[in-house]
Amino acid sequence: MLSSLFTRRPDVQDSALLWTPPGTTVVQRYRNTLGPLEGAIVLVYTSASERSSSCGAACLGCTYRAARNRRRIRLTETEAADLANAHAAHCRAINRGVPALPDDADAAQTVRTRLLSKRPHGPSPHLVHLTDFIEDRVDLQRDNDFIKQAMFEIARTEGDFLKAAPAYSGSTGTRFLVQPHPPRK
């Protein structure tokens, strides 16, 4: 009877430690330490359905997100890991746990916001790639199909902002073009 009072119980596993956002493949995890406390987890990830070399880094304790280097080029896994490790070493945020799954309307708004950031000021439209959303993957928690459907809906309702066009000859699918800002009068 006394032996049951002193049995060792396994430590509770931190759910954020092994969490993978839907629509991503986490390739590395880093964790900062705050003295005796365990701090936030920094993920290095890529899109789950794309065989892309583009990676991102995201901290689950603060708002840190990285998908491009200083020269505005998409991150390789090595570059993303270096940024994640550097952020984990200096971040003082505590672990907030697994972020809440946004509803579809909020996720669609995140897609629209990213498209708006890609809107060019010159005369040519901007061709949208799914890798343009790598920075948003942890916040979106959605796969490529959701992003494409959200873009189809935006193209249907806001044709002066986003246009859907057939893919280049010889391939199937659709390409999306963010239209330039209207000229100033």
Protein backbone atom coordinates (compact mmCIF):
# COMPACT_ATOMS: atom_id res chain seq x y z
CA MET A 1 0.00 0.00 0.00
CA LEU A 2 2.78 2.45 0.83
CA SER A 3 4.60 1.56 -2.35
CA SER A 4 1.73 2.94 -4.42
CA LEU A 5 2.05 6.33 -2.68
CA PHE A 6 5.66 6.73 -3.72
CA THR A 7 5.58 5.34 -7.24
CA ARG A 8 7.20 7.58 -9.77
CA ARG A 9 4.84 8.99 -12.35
CA PRO A 10 6.07 9.84 -15.83
CA ASP A 11 6.53 13.52 -16.57
CA VAL A 12 3.75 15.13 -18.53
CA GLN A 13 4.88 15.52 -22.13
CA ASP A 14 4.69 19.05 -23.51
CA SER A 15 2.22 18.88 -26.42
CA ALA A 16 3.97 21.74 -28.25
CA LEU A 17 7.25 19.84 -28.24
CA LEU A 18 6.01 17.31 -30.80
CA TRP A 19 3.29 19.36 -32.48
CA THR A 20 3.36 19.72 -36.24
CA PRO A 21 1.13 22.39 -37.78
CA PRO A 22 -1.28 20.97 -40.36
CA GLY A 23 0.04 21.60 -43.88
CA THR A 24 3.70 21.49 -42.82
CA THR A 25 6.52 19.06 -42.25
CA VAL A 26 8.66 20.03 -39.25
CA VAL A 27 12.28 19.14 -39.94
CA GLN A 28 13.92 20.56 -36.78
CA ARG A 29 12.93 21.94 -33.39
CA TYR A 30 14.87 24.24 -31.06
CA ARG A 31 14.00 25.21 -27.52
CA ASN A 32 15.26 28.15 -25.53
CA THR A 33 15.89 27.87 -21.80
CA LEU A 34 14.99 30.52 -19.28
CA GLY A 35 17.07 29.51 -16.30
CA PRO A 36 15.36 26.50 -14.74
CA LEU A 37 12.31 26.96 -16.99
CA GLU A 38 11.85 25.56 -20.45
CA GLY A 39 11.11 28.30 -22.92
CA ALA A 40 9.50 28.50 -26.29
CA ILE A 41 9.95 26.05 -29.13
CA VAL A 42 11.20 27.31 -32.49
CA LEU A 43 10.18 25.18 -35.47
CA VAL A 44 11.98 24.77 -38.79
CA TYR A 45 9.45 23.56 -41.34
CA THR A 46 8.48 23.28 -44.98
CA SER A 47 5.20 22.72 -46.79
CA ALA A 48 3.89 19.19 -46.35
CA SER A 49 2.76 18.63 -49.91
CA GLU A 50 5.45 20.48 -51.84
CA ARG A 51 8.82 19.01 -52.59
CA SER A 52 10.37 22.39 -52.12
CA SER A 53 13.66 23.42 -50.67
CA SER A 54 12.01 26.52 -49.16
CA CYS A 55 11.85 26.44 -45.38
CA GLY A 56 10.57 28.71 -42.66
CA ALA A 57 11.19 29.25 -38.97
CA ALA A 58 8.54 30.13 -36.37
CA CYS A 59 8.65 30.61 -32.61
CA LEU A 60 5.71 29.23 -30.62
CA GLY A 61 6.36 31.69 -27.79
CA CYS A 62 6.47 35.00 -29.64
CA THR A 63 5.58 36.35 -33.08
CA TYR A 64 8.93 35.52 -34.74
CA ARG A 65 8.51 34.22 -38.29
CA ALA A 66 11.18 33.95 -41.00
CA ALA A 67 10.92 32.71 -44.58
CA ARG A 68 13.50 34.85 -46.41
CA ASN A 69 17.07 35.88 -45.75
CA ARG A 70 18.46 39.42 -45.78
CA ARG A 71 18.72 39.34 -49.57
CA ARG A 72 14.98 38.47 -49.76
CA ILE A 73 15.73 34.95 -51.04
CA ARG A 74 13.74 32.00 -49.70
CA LEU A 75 15.44 30.14 -46.87
CA THR A 76 17.14 26.78 -47.26
CA GLU A 77 16.85 24.30 -44.41
CA THR A 78 20.35 25.21 -43.20
CA GLU A 79 19.60 28.94 -43.21
CA ALA A 80 16.26 28.41 -41.45
CA ALA A 81 17.95 26.22 -38.83
CA ASP A 82 20.62 28.85 -38.21
CA LEU A 83 17.96 31.57 -37.78
CA ALA A 84 15.86 29.32 -35.51
CA ASN A 85 18.86 28.45 -33.35
CA ALA A 86 19.89 32.11 -33.06
CA HIS A 87 16.33 33.11 -32.17
CA ALA A 88 16.02 30.34 -29.58
CA ALA A 89 19.26 31.50 -27.96
CA HIS A 90 18.00 35.08 -27.55
CA CYS A 91 14.21 34.78 -27.21
CA ARG A 92 12.89 35.27 -23.69
CA ALA A 93 9.35 34.10 -24.40
CA ILE A 94 7.90 31.19 -22.51
CA ASN A 95 6.12 28.39 -24.29
CA ARG A 96 2.51 29.32 -25.07
CA GLY A 97 1.67 25.80 -26.15
CA VAL A 98 0.01 24.79 -29.38
CA PRO A 99 -1.58 27.78 -31.14
CA ALA A 100 -5.33 27.68 -31.57
CA LEU A 101 -6.61 26.57 -34.96
CA PRO A 102 -8.05 29.65 -36.71
CA ASP A 103 -11.49 29.36 -38.21
CA ASP A 104 -11.79 29.30 -42.00
CA ALA A 105 -12.69 32.99 -42.28
CA ASP A 106 -9.60 34.05 -40.29
CA ALA A 107 -7.37 31.70 -42.30
CA ALA A 108 -8.80 33.07 -45.57
CA GLN A 109 -8.08 36.60 -44.31
CA THR A 110 -4.47 35.57 -43.63
CA VAL A 111 -4.23 34.36 -47.25
CA ARG A 112 -5.68 37.67 -48.48
CA THR A 113 -3.25 39.67 -46.30
CA ARG A 114 -0.28 37.76 -47.74
CA LEU A 115 -1.56 38.39 -51.28
CA LEU A 116 -1.96 42.08 -50.47
CA SER A 117 1.69 42.20 -49.36
CA LYS A 118 2.63 40.85 -52.80
CA ARG A 119 0.67 43.49 -54.73
CA PRO A 120 3.12 45.25 -57.07
CA HIS A 121 3.35 48.98 -57.66
CA GLY A 122 4.65 48.63 -61.21
CA PRO A 123 2.75 47.72 -64.37
CA SER A 124 3.26 43.92 -64.21
CA PRO A 125 1.23 41.53 -62.07
CA HIS A 126 2.92 39.31 -59.47
CA LEU A 127 2.77 35.55 -60.09
CA VAL A 128 1.80 33.85 -56.82
CA HIS A 129 3.58 30.68 -55.72
CA LEU A 130 2.54 28.47 -52.82
CA THR A 131 5.98 29.07 -51.33
CA ASP A 132 4.88 32.70 -50.85
CA PHE A 133 2.80 31.37 -47.92
CA ILE A 134 5.60 29.52 -46.09
CA GLU A 135 5.89 32.27 -43.49
CA ASP A 136 2.17 31.96 -42.69
CA ARG A 137 1.97 28.16 -42.40
CA VAL A 138 2.15 27.98 -38.59
CA ASP A 139 -0.57 30.63 -38.23
CA LEU A 140 -2.72 29.25 -41.07
CA GLN A 141 -2.53 25.59 -40.06
CA ARG A 142 -3.95 24.71 -43.47
CA ASP A 143 -2.73 22.71 -46.45
CA ASN A 144 -2.18 23.84 -50.04
CA ASP A 145 -5.73 22.91 -51.07
CA PHE A 146 -7.19 25.40 -48.60
CA ILE A 147 -4.85 28.14 -49.82
CA LYS A 148 -5.80 27.46 -53.44
CA GLN A 149 -9.53 27.47 -52.63
CA ALA A 150 -9.15 30.75 -50.74
CA MET A 151 -7.36 32.25 -53.75
CA PHE A 152 -10.08 30.98 -56.12
CA GLU A 153 -12.68 32.69 -53.94
CA ILE A 154 -10.72 35.95 -53.85
CA ALA A 155 -10.24 35.82 -57.64
CA ARG A 156 -13.98 35.25 -58.06
CA THR A 157 -15.04 38.11 -55.79
CA GLU A 158 -12.16 40.56 -56.31
CA GLY A 159 -11.07 40.17 -59.93
CA ASP A 160 -9.35 43.56 -59.97
CA PHE A 161 -7.06 42.34 -57.14
CA LEU A 162 -6.36 38.68 -58.03
CA LYS A 163 -6.82 36.92 -61.34
CA ALA A 164 -6.89 33.19 -61.97
CA ALA A 165 -5.53 32.13 -65.35
CA PRO A 166 -4.82 28.76 -66.98
CA ALA A 167 -1.34 27.46 -66.36
CA TYR A 168 1.27 27.90 -69.05
CA SER A 169 0.88 25.74 -72.15
CA GLY A 170 1.86 22.13 -71.66
CA SER A 171 0.84 21.95 -68.01
CA THR A 172 -2.42 21.62 -66.16
CA GLY A 173 -3.70 23.73 -63.33
CA THR A 174 -4.21 27.37 -62.56
CA ARG A 175 -1.86 30.24 -61.93
CA PHE A 176 -2.76 33.23 -59.81
CA LEU A 177 -1.69 36.79 -60.58
CA VAL A 178 -1.89 39.60 -58.04
CA GLN A 179 -2.80 42.68 -60.03
CA PRO A 180 -0.84 45.92 -59.65
CA HIS A 181 -2.16 48.82 -57.63
CA PRO A 182 -4.44 51.05 -59.71
CA PRO A 183 -2.62 54.06 -61.16
CA ARG A 184 -2.82 57.28 -59.18
CA LYS A 185 -4.70 60.14 -60.73
